[in-house]
Amino acid sequence: MVSSSGPEARRPAAVVVGAGPSGFYTAAQLLDAGFTVDMVDSLPTPFGLVRAGVAPDHPNIKAVTRVFDKVAAREGFRFFGGLTLGDNVTREDLLAHYDAVVYATGMPDSSRLSIPGEDRPGSVSATGFVAWYNGHPDAAEDRYDLSARRAVVIGNGNVAMDVARILALDVDELRSTDIADHAIEVLERSAIEEIVVLGRRGPAQAAFTTPEIREIAKLPGVDVHVDPRDLDLDEHSAASLTSASATTQQNVEVLREIAGREVQPGRRRLAISFLWSPLEVLGDGADGPVAGLRVGRNRIELAADGVLRAVPTGEEQVIDCGLVVRAIGYRGRPIPGLPFDDRSSCIPNTDGRLVEEGEVRRGEYVVGWIKRGPSGVIGTNKKCASDTVTAVLADRDGGHLNPRASFEPATSAAMLLSRARSTVDWQGWQAIDRGEVAAGKESSRPRVKFVRREDLFAAGTESGA
């Protein structure tokens, strides 16, 4: 346990597992509180979904990494990229060294539809597709067939809108971004003429934000369509809209503006459709490629608990298509050696303190999506981090941090470095960053990403970092 006074006193030490926004916000607040902070990530690059999830044509959102750069430059911070918890490094390894272990591992997997045909070739997750076009090394070798005339994106959140927009945009609009080179090569051969975005509920329940739908409405060279009948709200949705958030009200206004437009034939088409649920992905045989999607019509009803729910009407139809992308949310991935709640897809916790077999475990904490689920925007993680750090500090002040910790900077670093064949420190990441930015300048792009682990590690170590 940390001694708070006397000649043997030392700063308490924390390790944050995960280098995404929640991890960096947590690190910043722990540094403010006098902790030393080591950060571990399975990738040799930091920033999580800011690097691998934010759409390439949204560079302003990625500017938050400048804040994280300042955190990494502070005294007492170290980065170890290329270490996977549960693989090269274990929970027990971390508990042997650190007073506080904070799990900020995010939710790397995609929710499933659980309908027949979901695993056919051409039926894919938005999680994988987004990782692919953003140059995530785990998706660099994936292949996507865009030879069909129509694609269907299932979901009405921001990720669904991102996927639809990437599929709809002329590839020339993406050449000046940091989209992965392999994605440009595939997108420039795309034969997709129509993208259908399906929502299970109505426009008053859509989860996308107003800037996203406004951006969709202004896509150059794209005929964006909303069926005016979908904007004829049922009585329950109409009543809820009067007291709904400003975002919901503005969303419906933008959708009504789109619905009132005249169609401009001859352009790529993006249709946003509401009140349809996917029932079956169709194709030849048991494992033939996608040939269509069977969908069922819904209506909105007010349930006994006061929640508006989509219920089937019995009406069905088939949408001919060759690509189905499910964008219905993220799921956490169980980590060997750690508790996991399959229902919530989170690590069980109380106020950010890890709970195992009904008991709070001293010195172990959770933050970000793996704590609360896949909700909010990047900034939401700052408040989430603050709540978890509040628990850490209360435990520090009460003498309830990890009693087994034996932190010594050189020894702890040696332990981490011994657990993987290659690791990248912050100077190594800066070398990667310089290499990507330099490559981007040659083609007037913000960067050209290294998309394979071996290239990332090589760039992160060749400078002697």
Protein backbone atom coordinates (compact mmCIF):
# COMPACT_ATOMS: atom_id res chain seq x y z
CA MET A 1 0.00 0.00 0.00
CA VAL A 2 1.11 3.55 -0.62
CA SER A 3 2.71 5.25 2.35
CA SER A 4 1.45 8.82 2.68
CA SER A 5 4.32 10.20 4.75
CA GLY A 6 7.87 9.53 5.83
CA PRO A 7 11.08 8.88 3.93
CA GLU A 8 9.65 5.91 2.04
CA ALA A 9 6.74 7.91 0.63
CA ARG A 10 6.21 7.68 -3.12
CA ARG A 11 3.64 8.92 -5.55
CA PRO A 12 0.79 6.46 -6.05
CA ALA A 13 0.98 4.69 -9.41
CA ALA A 14 -1.86 3.87 -11.79
CA VAL A 15 -1.99 1.94 -15.03
CA VAL A 16 -4.70 2.79 -17.55
CA VAL A 17 -5.49 -0.05 -19.95
CA GLY A 18 -6.71 1.57 -23.16
CA ALA A 19 -5.50 4.69 -24.97
CA GLY A 20 -8.83 6.03 -26.19
CA PRO A 21 -10.55 9.23 -24.99
CA SER A 22 -11.76 7.77 -21.69
CA GLY A 23 -8.26 6.51 -20.96
CA PHE A 24 -6.65 9.88 -21.66
CA TYR A 25 -9.21 11.85 -19.68
CA THR A 26 -8.63 9.48 -16.77
CA ALA A 27 -4.86 9.78 -17.08
CA ALA A 28 -5.05 13.57 -17.06
CA GLN A 29 -7.12 13.67 -13.89
CA LEU A 30 -4.93 11.12 -12.12
CA LEU A 31 -1.82 13.11 -13.01
CA ASP A 32 -3.54 16.20 -11.58
CA ALA A 33 -4.09 14.25 -8.36
CA GLY A 34 -0.42 13.34 -8.01
CA PHE A 35 -0.37 9.85 -9.52
CA THR A 36 2.20 8.56 -11.94
CA VAL A 37 0.39 7.00 -14.90
CA ASP A 38 1.43 4.23 -17.26
CA MET A 39 -0.88 3.68 -20.23
CA VAL A 40 -1.09 0.34 -22.02
CA ASP A 41 -2.80 -0.32 -25.35
CA SER A 42 -2.98 -3.34 -27.63
CA LEU A 43 -2.14 -1.15 -30.64
CA PRO A 44 1.17 0.62 -31.20
CA THR A 45 -0.87 3.79 -31.79
CA PRO A 46 -2.93 5.78 -29.27
CA PHE A 47 -6.34 7.52 -29.43
CA GLY A 48 -8.66 4.53 -29.92
CA LEU A 49 -11.77 5.34 -31.94
CA VAL A 50 -10.62 8.91 -32.53
CA ARG A 51 -8.05 7.40 -34.89
CA ALA A 52 -9.89 4.27 -35.97
CA GLY A 53 -13.56 5.21 -35.65
CA VAL A 54 -14.09 8.88 -36.50
CA ALA A 55 -14.93 9.27 -40.18
CA PRO A 56 -11.98 10.43 -42.33
CA ASP A 57 -13.98 13.40 -43.64
CA HIS A 58 -14.47 14.69 -40.06
CA PRO A 59 -10.98 16.01 -39.28
CA ASN A 60 -12.23 18.61 -36.79
CA ILE A 61 -13.40 15.89 -34.43
CA LYS A 62 -9.92 14.37 -34.47
CA ALA A 63 -8.43 17.65 -33.22
CA VAL A 64 -9.10 16.43 -29.66
CA THR A 65 -5.86 14.44 -29.99
CA ARG A 66 -3.99 17.72 -29.39
CA VAL A 67 -5.39 17.68 -25.85
CA PHE A 68 -4.21 14.10 -25.41
CA ASP A 69 -0.76 15.02 -26.73
CA LYS A 70 -0.44 17.51 -23.87
CA VAL A 71 -1.39 14.80 -21.37
CA ALA A 72 1.29 12.50 -22.75
CA ALA A 73 3.91 15.25 -22.46
CA ARG A 74 3.40 15.61 -18.71
CA GLU A 75 5.88 14.36 -16.16
CA GLY A 76 4.89 11.00 -14.76
CA PHE A 77 3.20 9.68 -17.92
CA ARG A 78 4.46 6.71 -19.96
CA PHE A 79 2.93 4.89 -22.92
CA PHE A 80 3.38 1.21 -23.77
CA GLY A 81 1.77 0.38 -27.13
CA GLY A 82 1.51 -3.18 -28.37
CA LEU A 83 0.46 -4.95 -25.16
CA THR A 84 -2.86 -6.79 -25.05
CA LEU A 85 -4.46 -7.40 -21.68
CA GLY A 86 -5.27 -11.07 -21.26
CA ASP A 87 -2.69 -12.03 -23.87
CA ASN A 88 0.81 -10.63 -23.35
CA VAL A 89 0.03 -8.98 -20.02
CA THR A 90 -2.32 -10.27 -17.33
CA ARG A 91 -4.47 -8.76 -14.66
CA GLU A 92 -2.16 -10.23 -12.03
CA ASP A 93 0.87 -8.66 -13.70
CA LEU A 94 -0.70 -5.24 -13.28
CA LEU A 95 -1.93 -5.80 -9.74
CA ALA A 96 1.57 -6.80 -8.69
CA HIS A 97 2.83 -3.32 -9.58
CA TYR A 98 0.14 -0.65 -9.55
CA ASP A 99 -1.91 0.92 -6.78
CA ALA A 100 -4.80 1.50 -9.19
CA VAL A 101 -5.61 -0.42 -12.35
CA VAL A 102 -8.15 1.33 -14.60
CA TYR A 103 -9.71 -0.67 -17.44
CA ALA A 104 -10.60 1.57 -20.39
CA THR A 105 -10.74 -1.13 -23.04
CA GLY A 106 -13.83 0.10 -24.89
CA MET A 107 -16.18 -2.06 -26.93
CA PRO A 108 -14.42 -3.48 -30.00
CA ASP A 109 -17.15 -5.83 -31.22
CA SER A 110 -20.40 -5.28 -33.08
CA SER A 111 -23.92 -6.07 -31.90
CA ARG A 112 -25.66 -8.71 -33.97
CA LEU A 113 -29.09 -8.82 -35.59
CA SER A 114 -29.64 -12.49 -34.69
CA ILE A 115 -31.61 -13.15 -37.88
CA PRO A 116 -31.25 -15.91 -40.49
CA GLY A 117 -28.56 -15.30 -43.09
CA GLU A 118 -26.67 -12.74 -41.05
CA ASP A 119 -23.33 -14.44 -41.72
CA ARG A 120 -23.65 -14.63 -45.51
CA PRO A 121 -20.82 -13.12 -47.56
CA GLY A 122 -21.72 -9.47 -48.04
CA SER A 123 -23.46 -9.17 -44.67
CA VAL A 124 -21.00 -7.23 -42.53
CA SER A 125 -20.70 -5.16 -39.39
CA ALA A 126 -20.24 -1.41 -39.43
CA THR A 127 -17.59 -1.91 -36.75
CA GLY A 128 -15.44 -3.89 -39.18
CA PHE A 129 -16.20 -1.68 -42.18
CA VAL A 130 -15.32 1.51 -40.28
CA ALA A 131 -12.10 -0.06 -38.98
CA TRP A 132 -11.24 -1.10 -42.54
CA TYR A 133 -11.63 2.29 -44.17
CA ASN A 134 -9.91 3.98 -41.21
CA GLY A 135 -6.81 1.79 -41.50
CA HIS A 136 -7.08 -0.23 -38.29
CA PRO A 137 -4.37 -2.92 -38.54
CA ASP A 138 -6.76 -5.69 -37.50
CA ALA A 139 -8.93 -4.87 -40.53
CA ALA A 140 -6.24 -4.12 -43.11
CA GLU A 141 -6.59 -7.51 -44.83
CA ASP A 142 -10.40 -7.51 -44.89
CA ARG A 143 -12.13 -7.53 -48.25
CA TYR A 144 -15.37 -5.76 -49.21
CA ASP A 145 -17.31 -6.35 -52.39
CA LEU A 146 -18.96 -3.14 -53.61
CA SER A 147 -20.02 -4.52 -56.98
CA ALA A 148 -23.75 -4.57 -56.18
CA ARG A 149 -26.09 -1.82 -57.28
CA ARG A 150 -27.77 -1.40 -53.87
CA ALA A 151 -26.49 -1.51 -50.29
CA VAL A 152 -28.57 -1.50 -47.11
CA VAL A 153 -27.30 0.04 -43.88
CA ILE A 154 -29.27 -1.06 -40.82
CA GLY A 155 -29.39 1.48 -38.01
CA ASN A 156 -30.26 5.10 -37.37
CA GLY A 157 -27.29 6.29 -35.33
CA ASN A 158 -24.23 8.33 -36.27
CA VAL A 159 -22.24 5.26 -37.27
CA ALA A 160 -24.96 4.25 -39.75
CA MET A 161 -24.87 7.76 -41.19
CA ASP A 162 -21.08 7.66 -41.45
CA VAL A 163 -21.16 4.37 -43.34
CA ALA A 164 -23.92 5.57 -45.66
CA ARG A 165 -22.05 8.80 -46.35
CA ILE A 166 -18.77 7.01 -47.16
CA LEU A 167 -20.61 4.70 -49.56
CA ALA A 168 -22.48 7.61 -51.19
CA LEU A 169 -19.65 10.10 -51.61
CA ASP A 170 -17.72 10.41 -54.83
CA VAL A 171 -14.32 8.95 -54.07
CA ASP A 172 -12.69 12.23 -55.12
CA GLU A 173 -14.27 13.79 -52.03
CA LEU A 174 -12.26 11.35 -49.90
CA ARG A 175 -8.88 11.54 -51.60
CA SER A 176 -7.84 14.54 -49.51
CA THR A 177 -8.59 12.78 -46.20
CA ASP A 178 -6.66 10.21 -44.16
CA ILE A 179 -8.85 7.34 -45.33
CA ALA A 180 -6.83 4.15 -45.84
CA ASP A 181 -5.33 3.75 -49.32
CA HIS A 182 -6.80 0.26 -49.66
CA ALA A 183 -10.28 1.70 -49.06
CA ILE A 184 -9.83 4.33 -51.77
CA GLU A 185 -8.86 1.60 -54.23
CA VAL A 186 -12.07 -0.32 -53.52
CA LEU A 187 -14.38 2.70 -53.31
CA GLU A 188 -13.24 4.06 -56.68
CA ARG A 189 -14.44 0.80 -58.27
CA SER A 190 -17.74 0.83 -56.40
CA ALA A 191 -20.84 0.07 -58.48
CA ILE A 192 -23.26 1.08 -55.72
CA GLU A 193 -25.96 3.40 -57.01
CA GLU A 194 -28.31 3.38 -54.03
CA ILE A 195 -27.83 3.19 -50.27
CA VAL A 196 -30.90 2.46 -48.15
CA VAL A 197 -30.65 3.34 -44.45
CA LEU A 198 -33.19 1.40 -42.41
CA GLY A 199 -34.45 2.42 -38.99
CA ARG A 200 -36.50 0.09 -36.78
CA ARG A 201 -38.33 3.00 -35.18
CA GLY A 202 -39.59 6.34 -36.44
CA PRO A 203 -37.91 9.68 -37.18
CA ALA A 204 -38.76 11.00 -33.71
CA GLN A 205 -36.75 8.13 -32.18
CA ALA A 206 -33.71 8.31 -34.48
CA ALA A 207 -30.36 8.26 -32.64
CA PHE A 208 -28.24 10.31 -35.03
CA THR A 209 -27.26 13.87 -34.13
CA THR A 210 -28.41 16.93 -36.04
CA PRO A 211 -24.98 17.76 -37.53
CA GLU A 212 -24.85 14.23 -38.99
CA ILE A 213 -28.22 14.41 -40.72
CA ARG A 214 -27.53 17.96 -41.93
CA GLU A 215 -24.30 16.75 -43.48
CA ILE A 216 -26.18 13.91 -45.18
CA ALA A 217 -28.69 16.44 -46.52
CA LYS A 218 -25.89 18.41 -48.20
CA LEU A 219 -23.96 15.56 -49.81
CA PRO A 220 -22.65 16.76 -53.17
CA GLY A 221 -23.97 14.86 -56.17
CA VAL A 222 -26.27 12.65 -54.07
CA ASP A 223 -30.05 12.50 -54.22
CA VAL A 224 -31.03 12.16 -50.54
CA HIS A 225 -34.58 10.87 -50.12
CA VAL A 226 -37.00 10.57 -47.20
CA ASP A 227 -40.53 9.28 -47.79
CA PRO A 228 -42.93 12.07 -46.71
CA ARG A 229 -45.25 9.40 -45.30
CA ASP A 230 -42.58 8.53 -42.73
CA LEU A 231 -42.84 12.10 -41.41
CA ASP A 232 -46.57 11.70 -40.79
CA LEU A 233 -45.93 10.88 -37.13
CA ASP A 234 -48.16 8.57 -35.13
CA GLU A 235 -50.02 10.18 -32.24
CA HIS A 236 -47.55 8.96 -29.61
CA SER A 237 -44.46 10.18 -31.49
CA ALA A 238 -46.15 13.50 -32.26
CA ALA A 239 -47.00 13.97 -28.59
CA SER A 240 -43.47 13.07 -27.48
CA LEU A 241 -41.94 15.50 -29.97
CA THR A 242 -43.44 18.50 -28.19
CA SER A 243 -41.27 17.82 -25.13
CA ALA A 244 -38.36 16.12 -26.89
CA SER A 245 -34.79 17.35 -26.88
CA ALA A 246 -33.70 20.12 -29.23
CA THR A 247 -31.69 17.52 -31.15
CA THR A 248 -34.75 15.36 -31.82
CA GLN A 249 -36.88 18.32 -32.87
CA GLN A 250 -34.16 19.62 -35.19
CA ASN A 251 -33.66 16.13 -36.66
CA VAL A 252 -37.31 15.94 -37.63
CA GLU A 253 -37.15 19.44 -39.14
CA VAL A 254 -34.17 18.48 -41.31
CA LEU A 255 -35.87 15.24 -42.38
CA ARG A 256 -38.99 17.19 -43.38
CA GLU A 257 -36.86 19.55 -45.45
CA ILE A 258 -35.29 16.57 -47.23
CA ALA A 259 -38.72 14.97 -47.80
CA GLY A 260 -39.92 18.10 -49.56
CA ARG A 261 -37.20 18.06 -52.19
CA GLU A 262 -37.65 17.18 -55.83
CA VAL A 263 -35.84 14.05 -56.99
CA GLN A 264 -32.89 14.62 -59.31
CA PRO A 265 -32.52 11.49 -61.45
CA GLY A 266 -29.15 10.22 -62.63
CA ARG A 267 -27.33 10.75 -59.34
CA ARG A 268 -26.35 8.31 -56.63
CA ARG A 269 -29.29 7.92 -54.26
CA LEU A 270 -29.37 7.70 -50.44
CA ALA A 271 -32.77 6.78 -49.01
CA ILE A 272 -33.47 7.09 -45.28
CA SER A 273 -36.35 4.84 -44.36
CA PHE A 274 -38.08 4.39 -41.01
CA LEU A 275 -40.22 1.77 -39.26
CA TRP A 276 -38.69 -1.31 -40.90
CA SER A 277 -37.00 -4.21 -39.10
CA PRO A 278 -34.64 -6.69 -40.80
CA LEU A 279 -36.04 -10.23 -40.69
CA GLU A 280 -33.74 -12.28 -42.91
CA VAL A 281 -30.68 -11.80 -45.11
CA LEU A 282 -31.47 -13.61 -48.36
CA GLY A 283 -29.24 -15.47 -50.82
CA ASP A 284 -28.81 -18.72 -52.69
CA GLY A 285 -28.39 -21.78 -50.52
CA ALA A 286 -27.21 -21.76 -46.93
CA ASP A 287 -24.05 -19.77 -47.50
CA GLY A 288 -24.46 -17.93 -50.80
CA PRO A 289 -23.73 -14.21 -50.97
CA VAL A 290 -26.29 -11.57 -50.09
CA ALA A 291 -29.01 -11.14 -52.68
CA GLY A 292 -31.65 -9.34 -50.65
CA LEU A 293 -33.05 -8.39 -47.26
CA ARG A 294 -36.49 -9.36 -46.03
CA VAL A 295 -37.90 -6.63 -43.81
CA GLY A 296 -41.04 -6.15 -41.73
CA ARG A 297 -43.05 -2.97 -41.29
CA ASN A 298 -43.44 -1.58 -37.76
CA ARG A 299 -45.67 0.87 -35.97
CA ILE A 300 -44.99 2.81 -32.78
CA GLU A 301 -46.98 1.89 -29.69
CA LEU A 302 -46.92 3.23 -26.15
CA ALA A 303 -45.95 0.38 -23.84
CA ALA A 304 -47.20 -0.05 -20.29
CA ASP A 305 -43.88 1.28 -18.96
CA GLY A 306 -44.38 4.53 -20.87
CA VAL A 307 -41.71 3.75 -23.48
CA LEU A 308 -42.47 4.08 -27.20
CA ARG A 309 -41.72 0.76 -28.86
CA ALA A 310 -41.69 -0.50 -32.44
CA VAL A 311 -44.04 -3.44 -32.94
CA PRO A 312 -44.56 -5.43 -36.15
CA THR A 313 -47.62 -4.85 -38.30
CA GLY A 314 -47.27 -8.07 -40.29
CA GLU A 315 -46.47 -6.26 -43.54
CA GLU A 316 -43.29 -7.49 -45.21
CA GLN A 317 -41.24 -6.78 -48.31
CA VAL A 318 -37.89 -7.75 -49.86
CA ILE A 319 -35.19 -5.23 -50.72
CA ASP A 320 -32.89 -6.47 -53.46
CA CYS A 321 -29.30 -5.71 -52.48
CA GLY A 322 -25.79 -7.15 -52.52
CA LEU A 323 -24.41 -5.58 -49.34
CA VAL A 324 -25.92 -5.38 -45.85
CA VAL A 325 -24.12 -3.39 -43.16
CA ARG A 326 -25.42 -3.65 -39.62
CA ALA A 327 -24.78 -0.50 -37.58
CA ILE A 328 -26.80 -1.32 -34.50
CA GLY A 329 -24.25 -0.75 -31.76
CA TYR A 330 -21.06 -2.00 -30.16
CA ARG A 331 -20.38 -4.78 -27.69
CA GLY A 332 -17.61 -5.31 -25.20
CA ARG A 333 -15.29 -8.28 -25.51
CA PRO A 334 -14.61 -10.52 -22.50
CA ILE A 335 -11.01 -10.23 -21.29
CA PRO A 336 -9.37 -13.38 -19.91
CA GLY A 337 -9.10 -13.16 -16.15
CA LEU A 338 -11.67 -10.38 -15.72
CA PRO A 339 -15.37 -10.50 -14.86
CA PHE A 340 -17.80 -9.72 -17.67
CA ASP A 341 -21.55 -9.13 -17.76
CA ASP A 342 -22.74 -10.60 -21.04
CA ARG A 343 -26.11 -8.90 -20.82
CA SER A 344 -24.76 -5.35 -20.51
CA SER A 345 -21.55 -6.21 -22.37
CA CYS A 346 -19.64 -4.34 -19.66
CA ILE A 347 -17.24 -5.10 -16.83
CA PRO A 348 -19.42 -5.16 -13.70
CA ASN A 349 -18.81 -2.10 -11.55
CA THR A 350 -20.27 0.17 -8.93
CA ASP A 351 -19.47 3.84 -9.41
CA GLY A 352 -16.48 2.81 -11.50
CA ARG A 353 -15.14 0.29 -8.97
CA LEU A 354 -14.77 -3.18 -10.46
CA VAL A 355 -17.13 -5.75 -8.97
CA GLU A 356 -16.39 -9.48 -9.05
CA GLU A 357 -18.62 -12.16 -7.55
CA GLY A 358 -20.63 -9.43 -5.87
CA GLU A 359 -17.67 -7.78 -4.18
CA VAL A 360 -15.78 -4.59 -4.96
CA ARG A 361 -12.15 -5.39 -5.77
CA ARG A 362 -9.67 -2.99 -4.21
CA GLY A 363 -7.60 -0.95 -6.60
CA GLU A 364 -9.46 -1.93 -9.80
CA TYR A 365 -11.63 0.48 -11.76
CA VAL A 366 -13.53 0.82 -15.03
CA VAL A 367 -14.10 3.81 -17.32
CA GLY A 368 -15.61 4.57 -20.72
CA TRP A 369 -17.83 2.30 -22.77
CA ILE A 370 -16.72 -0.86 -20.96
CA LYS A 371 -18.07 0.82 -17.81
CA ARG A 372 -21.34 2.35 -19.03
CA GLY A 373 -22.05 0.97 -22.51
CA PRO A 374 -21.64 2.53 -25.99
CA SER A 375 -23.28 5.88 -25.38
CA GLY A 376 -22.46 9.54 -25.77
CA VAL A 377 -19.88 11.42 -27.80
CA ILE A 378 -16.14 11.84 -27.23
CA GLY A 379 -16.66 14.55 -24.62
CA THR A 380 -19.00 12.32 -22.61
CA ASN A 381 -15.95 10.35 -21.55
CA LYS A 382 -14.57 13.32 -19.62
CA LYS A 383 -17.42 13.23 -17.11
CA CYS A 384 -17.26 9.44 -17.02
CA ALA A 385 -13.53 9.66 -16.23
CA SER A 386 -14.17 12.24 -13.53
CA ASP A 387 -16.64 9.93 -11.81
CA THR A 388 -14.19 7.02 -11.85
CA VAL A 389 -11.27 9.14 -10.68
CA THR A 390 -13.43 10.42 -7.83
CA ALA A 391 -13.72 6.80 -6.68
CA VAL A 392 -9.96 6.27 -7.04
CA LEU A 393 -9.16 9.34 -4.95
CA ALA A 394 -11.67 8.40 -2.27
CA ASP A 395 -10.03 4.98 -2.05
CA ARG A 396 -6.59 6.55 -1.92
CA ASP A 397 -7.60 8.85 0.90
CA GLY A 398 -9.28 5.99 2.75
CA GLY A 399 -6.36 3.59 2.33
CA HIS A 400 -8.32 1.28 0.03
CA LEU A 401 -6.13 1.09 -3.08
CA ASN A 402 -4.53 -2.18 -4.20
CA PRO A 403 -2.60 -3.50 -1.16
CA ARG A 404 -0.33 -5.73 -3.28
CA ALA A 405 1.21 -2.94 -5.35
CA SER A 406 4.99 -2.72 -5.46
CA PHE A 407 5.64 0.03 -7.98
CA GLU A 408 9.12 1.07 -9.00
CA PRO A 409 9.38 2.84 -12.38
CA ALA A 410 12.23 0.79 -13.85
CA THR A 411 10.95 -2.54 -12.55
CA SER A 412 7.39 -1.94 -13.73
CA ALA A 413 8.60 -0.83 -17.16
CA ALA A 414 10.83 -3.88 -17.44
CA MET A 415 7.86 -6.11 -16.63
CA LEU A 416 5.74 -4.54 -19.36
CA LEU A 417 8.53 -4.52 -21.93
CA SER A 418 9.25 -8.20 -21.30
CA ARG A 419 5.68 -9.21 -22.11
CA ALA A 420 5.78 -8.53 -25.86
CA ARG A 421 8.24 -8.94 -28.69
CA SER A 422 7.84 -5.29 -29.64
CA THR A 423 6.38 -2.27 -27.87
CA VAL A 424 6.13 1.38 -28.83
CA ASP A 425 6.60 4.23 -26.35
CA TRP A 426 5.35 7.79 -26.81
CA GLN A 427 8.47 8.81 -28.71
CA GLY A 428 7.86 5.83 -30.96
CA TRP A 429 4.30 6.96 -31.60
CA GLN A 430 5.61 10.42 -32.47
CA ALA A 431 7.93 8.79 -35.01
CA ILE A 432 4.95 6.95 -36.53
CA ASP A 433 3.01 10.21 -36.60
CA ARG A 434 5.85 12.05 -38.36
CA GLY A 435 6.15 9.28 -40.93
CA GLU A 436 2.42 9.29 -41.71
CA VAL A 437 2.24 13.08 -41.92
CA ALA A 438 5.31 13.21 -44.18
CA ALA A 439 3.75 10.65 -46.51
CA GLY A 440 0.53 12.67 -46.56
CA LYS A 441 2.27 15.87 -47.63
CA GLU A 442 3.33 14.21 -50.86
CA SER A 443 -0.33 13.89 -51.87
CA SER A 444 -1.82 16.91 -50.04
CA ARG A 445 -3.42 14.76 -47.37
CA PRO A 446 -3.27 15.12 -43.57
CA ARG A 447 -1.53 11.76 -43.34
CA VAL A 448 -1.18 8.39 -45.04
CA LYS A 449 -1.63 5.77 -42.36
CA PHE A 450 0.52 2.73 -41.80
CA VAL A 451 -2.12 0.02 -41.69
CA ARG A 452 -0.11 -3.10 -40.79
CA ARG A 453 1.31 -3.82 -37.39
CA GLU A 454 4.74 -4.68 -38.72
CA ASP A 455 4.95 -1.31 -40.48
CA LEU A 456 3.74 0.54 -37.40
CA PHE A 457 6.27 -1.18 -35.15
CA ALA A 458 9.04 -0.59 -37.67
CA ALA A 459 8.21 3.11 -37.91
CA GLY A 460 7.94 3.37 -34.13
CA THR A 461 11.32 1.81 -33.42
CA GLU A 462 13.56 2.71 -36.34
CA SER A 463 14.30 6.15 -34.89
CA GLY A 464 15.72 4.55 -31.79
CA ALA A 465 12.71 5.53 -29.72
